[in-house]
């Protein structure tokens, strides 16, 4: 929330984040026992995390990222 405010996000974006955050937490808590957690090497708690899980019978994981924690980069 602090980061969004520092980027001059609109009130609409802040409200959308609050709404999305509640849904994200419910989803992640619901599948907590199946998740693997990935952090940056610096272990910065303010930085984003990636979450991974293996669907039944899968050989490769599916990674989950929180949209609000990503930064768009154009190539």
PDB file of N, CA and C in Angstrom:
ATOM      1  N   UNK A   1       0.829  -1.175   0.000  1.00  0.00           N
ATOM      2  CA  UNK A   1       0.000   0.000   0.000  1.00  0.00           C
ATOM      3  C   UNK A   1       0.884   1.254   0.000  1.00  0.00           C
ATOM      4  N   UNK A   2       1.925   1.213   0.816  1.00  0.00           N
ATOM      5  CA  UNK A   2       2.840   2.347   0.908  1.00  0.00           C
ATOM      6  C   UNK A   2       3.496   2.612  -0.453  1.00  0.00           C
ATOM      7  N   UNK A   3       3.877   1.530  -1.138  1.00  0.00           N
ATOM      8  CA  UNK A   3       4.509   1.671  -2.451  1.00  0.00           C
ATOM      9  C   UNK A   3       3.539   2.278  -3.462  1.00  0.00           C
ATOM     10  N   UNK A   4       2.301   1.817  -3.473  1.00  0.00           N
ATOM     11  CA  UNK A   4       1.317   2.360  -4.414  1.00  0.00           C
ATOM     12  C   UNK A   4       1.086   3.848  -4.183  1.00  0.00           C
ATOM     13  N   UNK A   5       1.022   4.237  -2.925  1.00  0.00           N
ATOM     14  CA  UNK A   5       0.832   5.655  -2.620  1.00  0.00           C
ATOM     15  C   UNK A   5       2.026   6.481  -3.084  1.00  0.00           C
ATOM     16  N   UNK A   6       3.231   5.915  -2.965  1.00  0.00           N
ATOM     17  CA  UNK A   6       4.427   6.651  -3.371  1.00  0.00           C
ATOM     18  C   UNK A   6       4.527   6.794  -4.887  1.00  0.00           C
ATOM     19  N   UNK A   7       3.799   5.959  -5.634  1.00  0.00           N
ATOM     20  CA  UNK A   7       3.810   6.057  -7.097  1.00  0.00           C
ATOM     21  C   UNK A   7       2.671   6.922  -7.607  1.00  0.00           C
ATOM     22  N   UNK A   8       2.018   7.617  -6.696  1.00  0.00           N
ATOM     23  CA  UNK A   8       0.895   8.497  -7.046  1.00  0.00           C
ATOM     24  C   UNK A   8      -0.244   7.746  -7.723  1.00  0.00           C
ATOM     25  N   UNK A   9      -0.530   6.555  -7.236  1.00  0.00           N
ATOM     26  CA  UNK A   9      -1.646   5.770  -7.770  1.00  0.00           C
ATOM     27  C   UNK A   9      -2.957   6.480  -7.455  1.00  0.00           C
ATOM     28  N   UNK A  10      -3.907   6.331  -8.346  1.00  0.00           N
ATOM     29  CA  UNK A  10      -5.203   6.982  -8.149  1.00  0.00           C
ATOM     30  C   UNK A  10      -5.979   6.296  -7.025  1.00  0.00           C
ATOM     31  N   UNK A  11      -6.982   6.981  -6.513  1.00  0.00           N
ATOM     32  CA  UNK A  11      -7.829   6.397  -5.471  1.00  0.00           C
ATOM     33  C   UNK A  11      -8.511   5.133  -5.976  1.00  0.00           C
ATOM     34  N   UNK A  12      -8.865   5.121  -7.254  1.00  0.00           N
ATOM     35  CA  UNK A  12      -9.497   3.943  -7.855  1.00  0.00           C
ATOM     36  C   UNK A  12      -8.541   2.746  -7.810  1.00  0.00           C
ATOM     37  N   UNK A  13      -7.259   2.981  -8.135  1.00  0.00           N
ATOM     38  CA  UNK A  13      -6.259   1.911  -8.086  1.00  0.00           C
ATOM     39  C   UNK A  13      -6.063   1.400  -6.667  1.00  0.00           C
ATOM     40  N   UNK A  14      -6.053   2.301  -5.694  1.00  0.00           N
ATOM     41  CA  UNK A  14      -5.885   1.895  -4.296  1.00  0.00           C
ATOM     42  C   UNK A  14      -7.057   1.034  -3.832  1.00  0.00           C
ATOM     43  N   UNK A  15      -8.266   1.413  -4.202  1.00  0.00           N
ATOM     44  CA  UNK A  15      -9.447   0.622  -3.832  1.00  0.00           C
ATOM     45  C   UNK A  15      -9.412  -0.742  -4.511  1.00  0.00           C
ATOM     46  N   UNK A  16      -8.982  -0.776  -5.773  1.00  0.00           N
ATOM     47  CA  UNK A  16      -8.885  -2.049  -6.495  1.00  0.00           C
ATOM     48  C   UNK A  16      -7.854  -2.955  -5.832  1.00  0.00           C
ATOM     49  N   UNK A  17      -6.734  -2.372  -5.399  1.00  0.00           N
ATOM     50  CA  UNK A  17      -5.707  -3.149  -4.718  1.00  0.00           C
ATOM     51  C   UNK A  17      -6.257  -3.756  -3.430  1.00  0.00           C
ATOM     52  N   UNK A  18      -6.968  -2.967  -2.646  1.00  0.00           N
ATOM     53  CA  UNK A  18      -7.532  -3.471  -1.389  1.00  0.00           C
ATOM     54  C   UNK A  18      -8.466  -4.645  -1.648  1.00  0.00           C
ATOM     55  N   UNK A  19      -9.288  -4.525  -2.657  1.00  0.00           N
ATOM     56  CA  UNK A  19     -10.226  -5.585  -3.009  1.00  0.00           C
ATOM     57  C   UNK A  19      -9.480  -6.832  -3.496  1.00  0.00           C
ATOM     58  N   UNK A  20      -8.511  -6.633  -4.383  1.00  0.00           N
ATOM     59  CA  UNK A  20      -7.740  -7.756  -4.918  1.00  0.00           C
ATOM     60  C   UNK A  20      -6.929  -8.448  -3.826  1.00  0.00           C
ATOM     61  N   UNK A  21      -6.359  -7.674  -2.917  1.00  0.00           N
ATOM     62  CA  UNK A  21      -5.513  -8.237  -1.863  1.00  0.00           C
ATOM     63  C   UNK A  21      -6.291  -9.219  -0.999  1.00  0.00           C
ATOM     64  N   UNK A  22      -7.529  -8.909  -0.690  1.00  0.00           N
ATOM     65  CA  UNK A  22      -8.341  -9.819   0.122  1.00  0.00           C
ATOM     66  C   UNK A  22      -8.570 -11.137  -0.607  1.00  0.00           C
ATOM     67  N   UNK A  23      -8.853 -11.077  -1.895  1.00  0.00           N
ATOM     68  CA  UNK A  23      -9.072 -12.289  -2.682  1.00  0.00           C
ATOM     69  C   UNK A  23      -7.790 -13.101  -2.813  1.00  0.00           C
ATOM     70  N   UNK A  24      -6.675 -12.419  -3.020  1.00  0.00           N
ATOM     71  CA  UNK A  24      -5.388 -13.101  -3.163  1.00  0.00           C
ATOM     72  C   UNK A  24      -5.040 -13.854  -1.888  1.00  0.00           C
ATOM     73  N   UNK A  25      -5.204 -13.206  -0.745  1.00  0.00           N
ATOM     74  CA  UNK A  25      -4.875 -13.843   0.533  1.00  0.00           C
ATOM     75  C   UNK A  25      -5.756 -15.064   0.766  1.00  0.00           C
ATOM     76  N   UNK A  26      -7.039 -14.958   0.503  1.00  0.00           N
ATOM     77  CA  UNK A  26      -7.938 -16.106   0.665  1.00  0.00           C
ATOM     78  C   UNK A  26      -7.499 -17.264  -0.214  1.00  0.00           C
ATOM     79  N   UNK A  27      -7.134 -16.972  -1.455  1.00  0.00           N
ATOM     80  CA  UNK A  27      -6.711 -18.007  -2.396  1.00  0.00           C
ATOM     81  C   UNK A  27      -5.424 -18.684  -1.924  1.00  0.00           C
ATOM     82  N   UNK A  28      -4.436 -17.884  -1.528  1.00  0.00           N
ATOM     83  CA  UNK A  28      -3.154 -18.440  -1.097  1.00  0.00           C
ATOM     84  C   UNK A  28      -3.279 -19.225   0.207  1.00  0.00           C
ATOM     85  N   UNK A  29      -4.068 -18.738   1.139  1.00  0.00           N
ATOM     86  CA  UNK A  29      -4.261 -19.454   2.405  1.00  0.00           C
ATOM     87  C   UNK A  29      -4.958 -20.785   2.148  1.00  0.00           C
ATOM     88  N   UNK A  30      -5.889 -20.804   1.204  1.00  0.00           N
ATOM     89  CA  UNK A  30      -6.615 -22.022   0.882  1.00  0.00           C
ATOM     90  C   UNK A  30      -5.737 -23.123   0.318  1.00  0.00           C
ATOM     91  N   UNK A  31      -4.627 -22.759  -0.301  1.00  0.00           N
ATOM     92  CA  UNK A  31      -3.744 -23.777  -0.870  1.00  0.00           C
ATOM     93  C   UNK A  31      -2.339 -23.714  -0.253  1.00  0.00           C
ATOM     94  N   UNK A  32      -2.254 -23.192   0.952  1.00  0.00           N
ATOM     95  CA  UNK A  32      -0.972 -22.975   1.627  1.00  0.00           C
ATOM     96  C   UNK A  32      -0.113 -24.234   1.693  1.00  0.00           C
ATOM     97  N   UNK A  33      -0.710 -25.365   2.029  1.00  0.00           N
ATOM     98  CA  UNK A  33       0.078 -26.598   2.209  1.00  0.00           C
ATOM     99  C   UNK A  33       0.701 -27.092   0.909  1.00  0.00           C
ATOM    100  N   UNK A  34       0.202 -26.643  -0.223  1.00  0.00           N
ATOM    101  CA  UNK A  34       0.724 -27.074  -1.518  1.00  0.00           C
ATOM    102  C   UNK A  34       1.713 -26.081  -2.127  1.00  0.00           C
ATOM    103  N   UNK A  35       1.901 -24.934  -1.495  1.00  0.00           N
ATOM    104  CA  UNK A  35       2.726 -23.875  -2.076  1.00  0.00           C
ATOM    105  C   UNK A  35       4.200 -24.000  -1.725  1.00  0.00           C
ATOM    106  N   UNK A  36       5.024 -23.552  -2.649  1.00  0.00           N
ATOM    107  CA  UNK A  36       6.444 -23.328  -2.408  1.00  0.00           C
ATOM    108  C   UNK A  36       6.656 -21.823  -2.563  1.00  0.00           C
ATOM    109  N   UNK A  37       7.511 -21.254  -1.742  1.00  0.00           N
ATOM    110  CA  UNK A  37       7.696 -19.806  -1.719  1.00  0.00           C
ATOM    111  C   UNK A  37       9.089 -19.448  -2.223  1.00  0.00           C
ATOM    112  N   UNK A  38       9.158 -18.406  -3.038  1.00  0.00           N
ATOM    113  CA  UNK A  38      10.425 -17.938  -3.589  1.00  0.00           C
ATOM    114  C   UNK A  38      10.578 -16.450  -3.292  1.00  0.00           C
ATOM    115  N   UNK A  39      11.789 -16.087  -2.794  1.00  0.00           N
ATOM    116  CA  UNK A  39      12.096 -14.687  -2.486  1.00  0.00           C
ATOM    117  C   UNK A  39      13.388 -14.305  -3.191  1.00  0.00           C
ATOM    118  N   UNK A  40      13.669 -13.004  -3.209  1.00  0.00           N
ATOM    119  CA  UNK A  40      14.938 -12.537  -3.737  1.00  0.00           C
ATOM    120  C   UNK A  40      16.068 -12.960  -2.802  1.00  0.00           C
ATOM    121  N   UNK A  41      17.265 -13.016  -3.327  1.00  0.00           N
ATOM    122  CA  UNK A  41      18.428 -13.405  -2.522  1.00  0.00           C
ATOM    123  C   UNK A  41      18.642 -12.492  -1.329  1.00  0.00           C
ATOM    124  N   UNK A  42      18.252 -11.245  -1.460  1.00  0.00           N
ATOM    125  CA  UNK A  42      18.459 -10.281  -0.380  1.00  0.00           C
ATOM    126  C   UNK A  42      17.498 -10.507   0.781  1.00  0.00           C
ATOM    127  N   UNK A  43      16.494 -11.353   0.578  1.00  0.00           N
ATOM    128  CA  UNK A  43      15.463 -11.625   1.593  1.00  0.00           C
ATOM    129  C   UNK A  43      14.744 -10.346   2.004  1.00  0.00           C
ATOM    130  N   UNK A  44      14.610  -9.428   1.070  1.00  0.00           N
ATOM    131  CA  UNK A  44      13.925  -8.163   1.310  1.00  0.00           C
ATOM    132  C   UNK A  44      12.434  -8.427   1.496  1.00  0.00           C
ATOM    133  N   UNK A  45      11.924  -8.166   2.689  1.00  0.00           N
ATOM    134  CA  UNK A  45      10.509  -8.434   2.966  1.00  0.00           C
ATOM    135  C   UNK A  45       9.590  -7.444   2.266  1.00  0.00           C
ATOM    136  N   UNK A  46      10.120  -6.335   1.787  1.00  0.00           N
ATOM    137  CA  UNK A  46       9.314  -5.361   1.053  1.00  0.00           C
ATOM    138  C   UNK A  46       9.205  -5.729  -0.426  1.00  0.00           C
ATOM    139  N   UNK A  47      10.054  -6.625  -0.876  1.00  0.00           N
ATOM    140  CA  UNK A  47      10.018  -7.043  -2.279  1.00  0.00           C
ATOM    141  C   UNK A  47       8.949  -8.114  -2.469  1.00  0.00           C
ATOM    142  N   UNK A  48       8.613  -8.356  -3.704  1.00  0.00           N
ATOM    143  CA  UNK A  48       7.586  -9.351  -3.998  1.00  0.00           C
ATOM    144  C   UNK A  48       8.080 -10.773  -3.809  1.00  0.00           C
ATOM    145  N   UNK A  49       7.128 -11.676  -3.795  1.00  0.00           N
ATOM    146  CA  UNK A  49       7.431 -13.100  -3.696  1.00  0.00           C
ATOM    147  C   UNK A  49       6.767 -13.806  -4.861  1.00  0.00           C
ATOM    148  N   UNK A  50       7.278 -14.978  -5.169  1.00  0.00           N
ATOM    149  CA  UNK A  50       6.637 -15.841  -6.159  1.00  0.00           C
ATOM    150  C   UNK A  50       6.178 -17.086  -5.419  1.00  0.00           C
ATOM    151  N   UNK A  51       5.076 -17.630  -5.854  1.00  0.00           N
ATOM    152  CA  UNK A  51       4.503 -18.819  -5.243  1.00  0.00           C
ATOM    153  C   UNK A  51       4.396 -19.880  -6.325  1.00  0.00           C
ATOM    154  N   UNK A  52       4.673 -21.119  -5.981  1.00  0.00           N
ATOM    155  CA  UNK A  52       4.588 -22.201  -6.959  1.00  0.00           C
ATOM    156  C   UNK A  52       3.853 -23.379  -6.342  1.00  0.00           C
ATOM    157  N   UNK A  53       3.163 -24.111  -7.200  1.00  0.00           N
ATOM    158  CA  UNK A  53       2.523 -25.353  -6.771  1.00  0.00           C
ATOM    159  C   UNK A  53       2.510 -26.317  -7.940  1.00  0.00           C
ATOM    160  N   UNK A  54       2.435 -27.604  -7.626  1.00  0.00           N
ATOM    161  CA  UNK A  54       2.381 -28.653  -8.625  1.00  0.00           C
ATOM    162  C   UNK A  54       0.974 -29.221  -8.670  1.00  0.00           C
ATOM    163  N   UNK A  55       0.250 -28.987  -9.760  1.00  0.00           N
ATOM    164  CA  UNK A  55      -1.061 -29.633  -9.875  1.00  0.00           C
ATOM    165  C   UNK A  55      -0.870 -31.150  -9.886  1.00  0.00           C
ATOM    166  N   UNK A  56      -1.885 -31.875  -9.527  1.00  0.00           N
ATOM    167  CA  UNK A  56      -1.791 -33.332  -9.435  1.00  0.00           C
ATOM    168  C   UNK A  56      -1.282 -33.927 -10.743  1.00  0.00           C
ATOM    169  N   UNK A  57      -0.189 -34.679 -10.641  1.00  0.00           N
ATOM    170  CA  UNK A  57       0.391 -35.354 -11.791  1.00  0.00           C
ATOM    171  C   UNK A  57       1.310 -34.497 -12.642  1.00  0.00           C
ATOM    172  N   UNK A  58       1.495 -33.245 -12.294  1.00  0.00           N
ATOM    173  CA  UNK A  58       2.334 -32.346 -13.101  1.00  0.00           C
ATOM    174  C   UNK A  58       3.811 -32.549 -12.787  1.00  0.00           C
ATOM    175  N   UNK A  59       4.637 -32.400 -13.808  1.00  0.00           N
ATOM    176  CA  UNK A  59       6.082 -32.497 -13.629  1.00  0.00           C
ATOM    177  C   UNK A  59       6.723 -31.128 -13.421  1.00  0.00           C
ATOM    178  N   UNK A  60       6.042 -30.095 -13.857  1.00  0.00           N
ATOM    179  CA  UNK A  60       6.552 -28.727 -13.720  1.00  0.00           C
ATOM    180  C   UNK A  60       5.568 -27.904 -12.890  1.00  0.00           C
ATOM    181  N   UNK A  61       6.082 -26.974 -12.104  1.00  0.00           N
ATOM    182  CA  UNK A  61       5.186 -26.167 -11.261  1.00  0.00           C
ATOM    183  C   UNK A  61       4.483 -25.066 -12.044  1.00  0.00           C
ATOM    184  N   UNK A  62       3.427 -24.568 -11.457  1.00  0.00           N
ATOM    185  CA  UNK A  62       2.762 -23.360 -11.932  1.00  0.00           C
ATOM    186  C   UNK A  62       3.147 -22.262 -10.949  1.00  0.00           C
ATOM    187  N   UNK A  63       3.657 -21.154 -11.485  1.00  0.00           N
ATOM    188  CA  UNK A  63       4.073 -20.037 -10.644  1.00  0.00           C
ATOM    189  C   UNK A  63       2.976 -18.993 -10.578  1.00  0.00           C
ATOM    190  N   UNK A  64       2.801 -18.427  -9.407  1.00  0.00           N
ATOM    191  CA  UNK A  64       1.826 -17.366  -9.180  1.00  0.00           C
ATOM    192  C   UNK A  64       2.577 -16.102  -8.775  1.00  0.00           C
ATOM    193  N   UNK A  65       2.186 -14.988  -9.366  1.00  0.00           N
ATOM    194  CA  UNK A  65       2.764 -13.688  -9.038  1.00  0.00           C
ATOM    195  C   UNK A  65       1.619 -12.735  -8.740  1.00  0.00           C
ATOM    196  N   UNK A  66       1.838 -11.808  -7.861  1.00  0.00           N
ATOM    197  CA  UNK A  66       0.816 -10.817  -7.551  1.00  0.00           C
ATOM    198  C   UNK A  66       1.004  -9.637  -8.497  1.00  0.00           C
ATOM    199  N   UNK A  67      -0.023  -9.375  -9.267  1.00  0.00           N
ATOM    200  CA  UNK A  67       0.022  -8.348 -10.315  1.00  0.00           C
ATOM    201  C   UNK A  67       0.500  -7.006  -9.780  1.00  0.00           C
ATOM    202  N   UNK A  68       0.054  -6.638  -8.619  1.00  0.00           N
ATOM    203  CA  UNK A  68       0.372  -5.319  -8.067  1.00  0.00           C
ATOM    204  C   UNK A  68       1.841  -5.198  -7.680  1.00  0.00           C
ATOM    205  N   UNK A  69       2.539  -6.323  -7.589  1.00  0.00           N
ATOM    206  CA  UNK A  69       3.947  -6.289  -7.219  1.00  0.00           C
ATOM    207  C   UNK A  69       4.895  -6.341  -8.403  1.00  0.00           C
ATOM    208  N   UNK A  70       4.340  -6.369  -9.614  1.00  0.00           N
ATOM    209  CA  UNK A  70       5.173  -6.453 -10.806  1.00  0.00           C
ATOM    210  C   UNK A  70       5.332  -5.082 -11.452  1.00  0.00           C
ATOM    211  N   UNK A  71       6.456  -4.907 -12.120  1.00  0.00           N
ATOM    212  CA  UNK A  71       6.710  -3.655 -12.824  1.00  0.00           C
ATOM    213  C   UNK A  71       6.831  -3.970 -14.310  1.00  0.00           C
ATOM    214  N   UNK A  72       6.091  -3.234 -15.129  1.00  0.00           N
ATOM    215  CA  UNK A  72       6.109  -3.456 -16.573  1.00  0.00           C
ATOM    216  C   UNK A  72       7.395  -2.908 -17.171  1.00  0.00           C
ATOM    217  N   UNK A  73       8.031  -3.734 -18.009  1.00  0.00           N
ATOM    218  CA  UNK A  73       9.256  -3.328 -18.684  1.00  0.00           C
ATOM    219  C   UNK A  73       9.064  -3.588 -20.173  1.00  0.00           C
ATOM    220  N   UNK A  74       9.334  -2.579 -20.984  1.00  0.00           N
ATOM    221  CA  UNK A  74       9.210  -2.736 -22.435  1.00  0.00           C
ATOM    222  C   UNK A  74      10.576  -3.048 -23.021  1.00  0.00           C
ATOM    223  N   UNK A  75      10.600  -3.961 -23.983  1.00  0.00           N
ATOM    224  CA  UNK A  75      11.852  -4.330 -24.651  1.00  0.00           C
ATOM    225  C   UNK A  75      11.911  -3.715 -26.021  1.00  0.00           C
TER     226      UNK A  75
END
